[in-house]
N, C-alpha and C. Protein backbone atom coordinates (compact mmCIF):
# COMPACT_ATOMS: atom_id res chain seq x y z
N MET A 1 188.08 205.86 48.23
CA MET A 1 188.46 204.17 47.98
C MET A 1 189.71 204.40 47.11
N THR A 2 190.59 203.37 47.02
CA THR A 2 192.20 203.79 46.64
C THR A 2 191.96 203.52 45.03
N ASP A 3 192.80 204.39 44.75
CA ASP A 3 193.02 204.07 42.91
C ASP A 3 194.54 203.24 42.72
N LEU A 4 193.88 202.15 42.50
CA LEU A 4 194.81 200.61 42.07
C LEU A 4 195.24 200.57 40.93
N SER A 5 194.83 201.73 39.87
CA SER A 5 195.08 201.83 38.50
C SER A 5 196.52 202.20 38.41
N HIS A 6 197.74 202.44 38.83
CA HIS A 6 198.71 202.03 38.58
C HIS A 6 199.74 200.78 38.54
N LEU A 7 199.29 200.22 40.19
CA LEU A 7 199.56 199.01 40.23
C LEU A 7 199.06 198.23 38.93
N ASP A 8 197.61 198.40 39.21
CA ASP A 8 197.06 197.08 38.27
C ASP A 8 198.21 196.96 36.41
N ALA A 9 198.39 198.48 36.40
CA ALA A 9 199.18 199.12 34.79
C ALA A 9 200.59 197.97 35.33
N LEU A 10 200.87 198.30 36.14
CA LEU A 10 202.70 197.89 36.94
C LEU A 10 202.81 196.11 36.21
N THR A 11 200.99 194.68 36.47
CA THR A 11 201.05 194.41 36.14
C THR A 11 200.97 193.73 35.66
N GLN A 12 200.45 194.74 34.57
CA GLN A 12 199.67 194.12 33.17
C GLN A 12 200.98 194.25 32.78
N ARG A 13 202.22 194.93 32.73
CA ARG A 13 203.44 195.37 31.95
C ARG A 13 204.07 194.09 32.54
N LEU A 14 204.39 193.48 33.79
CA LEU A 14 204.88 192.33 33.91
C LEU A 14 204.74 191.16 33.55
N GLY A 15 203.11 191.69 32.93
CA GLY A 15 202.82 189.73 32.29
C GLY A 15 203.25 190.10 30.75
N ARG A 16 203.45 190.85 30.79
CA ARG A 16 203.54 191.27 28.86
C ARG A 16 205.16 191.14 28.75
N GLU A 17 206.07 191.75 30.39
CA GLU A 17 207.58 190.84 30.44
C GLU A 17 207.94 189.48 29.94
N GLU A 18 206.84 189.33 30.74
CA GLU A 18 206.97 188.01 30.96
C GLU A 18 207.19 186.62 30.07
N GLU A 19 205.77 187.48 29.12
CA GLU A 19 206.01 187.10 27.52
C GLU A 19 206.64 187.08 27.10
N ARG A 20 207.64 188.78 27.08
CA ARG A 20 208.01 188.71 26.13
C ARG A 20 209.67 187.66 26.53
N LEU A 21 209.81 187.51 27.61
CA LEU A 21 211.07 186.47 27.86
C LEU A 21 210.89 185.56 27.12
N ALA A 22 209.16 184.43 27.66
CA ALA A 22 209.34 183.34 27.06
C ALA A 22 209.71 183.36 25.48
N ASN A 23 208.62 184.36 24.38
CA ASN A 23 209.59 184.08 23.33
C ASN A 23 210.54 184.88 22.84
N ALA A 24 211.60 185.59 23.81
CA ALA A 24 212.56 185.50 23.14
C ALA A 24 213.74 184.81 22.29
N LYS A 25 214.21 185.54 21.62
CA LYS A 25 215.63 184.33 20.53
C LYS A 25 216.93 184.66 20.98
N THR A 26 217.41 184.81 21.11
CA THR A 26 218.72 185.54 21.94
C THR A 26 218.72 185.35 23.27
N GLU A 27 220.40 185.40 23.92
CA GLU A 27 220.88 185.76 25.23
C GLU A 27 220.84 186.81 25.76
N ASN A 28 220.80 187.60 24.72
CA ASN A 28 220.93 189.28 24.92
C ASN A 28 219.96 189.82 25.20
N GLU A 29 218.28 189.61 24.40
CA GLU A 29 217.42 189.84 24.70
C GLU A 29 217.03 189.24 26.42
N ARG A 30 217.07 187.46 26.44
CA ARG A 30 216.38 186.92 27.63
C ARG A 30 217.11 187.79 28.81
N ASN A 31 218.42 188.00 28.81
CA ASN A 31 218.48 188.90 30.16
C ASN A 31 218.11 190.25 30.02
N PHE A 32 218.29 190.91 28.69
CA PHE A 32 217.94 191.84 28.49
C PHE A 32 215.91 191.78 29.82
N ARG A 33 215.25 190.77 29.16
CA ARG A 33 214.16 190.12 30.02
C ARG A 33 213.89 190.60 31.29
N ILE A 34 215.03 189.87 31.26
CA ILE A 34 215.25 189.43 33.12
C ILE A 34 215.29 190.10 33.81
N ARG A 35 216.14 191.17 33.69
CA ARG A 35 216.72 192.23 33.89
C ARG A 35 215.15 192.99 33.87
N GLU A 36 213.91 193.62 33.49
CA GLU A 36 213.55 194.14 33.17
C GLU A 36 212.15 193.82 34.00
N ILE A 37 212.20 192.57 34.42
CA ILE A 37 210.81 191.96 35.23
C ILE A 37 210.87 191.75 36.12
N ALA A 38 212.40 192.28 37.16
CA ALA A 38 213.23 192.57 38.30
C ALA A 38 212.71 193.38 38.97
N ALA A 39 213.12 194.40 37.21
CA ALA A 39 212.77 195.46 37.51
C ALA A 39 210.92 196.05 37.77
N CYS A 40 210.22 195.55 37.36
CA CYS A 40 208.91 195.68 37.21
C CYS A 40 208.41 195.03 38.39
N LYS A 41 209.67 193.83 39.15
CA LYS A 41 208.91 193.97 40.37
C LYS A 41 208.79 194.47 41.55
N LYS A 42 210.26 194.69 41.83
CA LYS A 42 210.81 195.69 42.74
C LYS A 42 209.58 196.95 42.73
N GLU A 43 209.11 197.42 41.88
CA GLU A 43 208.62 198.72 41.59
C GLU A 43 206.69 198.35 41.69
N ILE A 44 206.37 197.05 41.21
CA ILE A 44 205.56 196.49 41.47
C ILE A 44 205.61 196.48 43.85
N ALA A 45 206.69 196.35 44.52
CA ALA A 45 206.56 195.72 45.52
C ALA A 45 206.51 197.70 46.23
N GLN A 46 207.17 198.47 46.15
CA GLN A 46 207.39 199.72 46.38
C GLN A 46 206.14 200.65 45.72
N GLU A 47 205.44 199.73 45.12
CA GLU A 47 203.65 200.68 44.97
C GLU A 47 202.46 200.01 45.93
N TYR A 48 202.75 198.84 46.22
CA TYR A 48 202.28 198.49 47.12
C TYR A 48 202.41 198.94 48.88
N LYS A 49 203.53 199.30 49.06
CA LYS A 49 204.86 200.24 49.95
C LYS A 49 203.86 201.61 50.19
N PHE A 50 203.18 202.16 48.67
CA PHE A 50 203.16 203.30 49.15
C PHE A 50 201.71 203.80 48.87
N LEU A 51 200.98 202.17 48.35
CA LEU A 51 199.64 202.05 49.19
C LEU A 51 199.08 202.06 49.66
N GLY A 52 199.93 201.28 51.10
CA GLY A 52 199.99 200.78 52.42
C GLY A 52 199.11 199.53 52.19
N ILE A 53 199.15 198.65 51.30
CA ILE A 53 199.01 197.83 51.44
C ILE A 53 199.72 196.73 51.28
N ALA A 54 199.08 195.19 51.20
CA ALA A 54 199.54 193.85 51.03
C ALA A 54 199.05 193.28 49.59
N PRO A 55 199.93 192.04 49.29
CA PRO A 55 199.42 191.40 48.37
C PRO A 55 198.90 190.76 48.99
N LEU A 56 198.10 189.94 47.92
CA LEU A 56 197.00 188.60 48.89
C LEU A 56 197.80 187.42 48.51
N SER A 57 197.36 186.86 49.61
CA SER A 57 198.16 185.25 49.41
C SER A 57 197.34 184.79 48.77
N LEU A 58 197.85 183.14 48.53
CA LEU A 58 197.06 182.26 48.02
C LEU A 58 195.71 181.64 48.22
N ASN A 59 196.21 181.58 50.22
CA ASN A 59 194.86 181.26 50.31
C ASN A 59 193.89 182.83 50.43
N GLU A 60 193.88 183.96 50.25
CA GLU A 60 193.20 184.61 50.03
C GLU A 60 192.56 184.96 49.27
N ILE A 61 193.08 184.70 47.74
CA ILE A 61 192.73 184.41 46.53
C ILE A 61 191.56 183.23 46.74
N LEU A 62 192.19 181.95 46.45
CA LEU A 62 191.25 180.88 46.19
C LEU A 62 190.04 180.50 47.21
N MET A 63 188.78 180.32 46.41
CA MET A 63 187.97 179.55 47.22
C MET A 63 187.69 178.31 47.33
N SER A 64 186.86 177.82 47.83
CA SER A 64 186.14 176.48 47.39
C SER A 64 184.97 176.81 46.78
N ASP A 65 184.45 175.40 46.04
CA ASP A 65 183.26 175.28 45.22
C ASP A 65 182.61 175.43 46.13
N ASP A 66 182.06 175.55 47.56
CA ASP A 66 180.80 176.13 48.13
C ASP A 66 181.16 177.26 48.24
N GLU A 67 182.34 178.31 48.64
CA GLU A 67 182.24 179.81 49.03
C GLU A 67 182.05 180.03 47.24
N LEU A 68 182.46 179.56 46.20
CA LEU A 68 181.88 180.62 44.95
C LEU A 68 180.57 180.61 44.83
N LEU A 69 180.00 178.93 45.31
CA LEU A 69 178.43 179.66 44.61
C LEU A 69 177.74 180.14 45.72
N ASP A 70 177.99 180.21 46.84
CA ASP A 70 177.40 180.71 47.96
C ASP A 70 178.07 182.47 47.45
N THR A 71 179.00 182.68 46.43
CA THR A 71 179.26 184.58 46.48
C THR A 71 178.22 184.35 45.39
N LEU A 72 178.11 183.77 44.13
CA LEU A 72 177.41 183.74 43.14
C LEU A 72 175.70 183.88 43.32
N LYS A 73 175.51 183.50 44.23
CA LYS A 73 174.29 183.01 44.84
C LYS A 73 173.97 184.56 45.44
N GLY A 74 174.91 184.99 45.58
CA GLY A 74 174.48 187.09 46.17
C GLY A 74 173.69 186.49 47.20
C-alpha cells in the first residue's frame, strides 16, 4: 500500500497557509503567505509525481445521493 502520509501533511499545511493568508493583516504578510501557498502547491504536485498517482478530479470525488446510499448500505 502506498504511504500517503507526506502528501497528507502537505495538504494540511496548504490548508493552514490558506487560513493564515485569510487572516493576514499586512501586505508583507499577505505576500509571504502567497509565496508559501505557491511553494506548497508545487511540492504537492511533486509528491503526486513521486508517488506515481494523479489528484482526484471533482467528478471522481462527488457522488450522487443514490451512490452515497449504496455505499453506506455496504
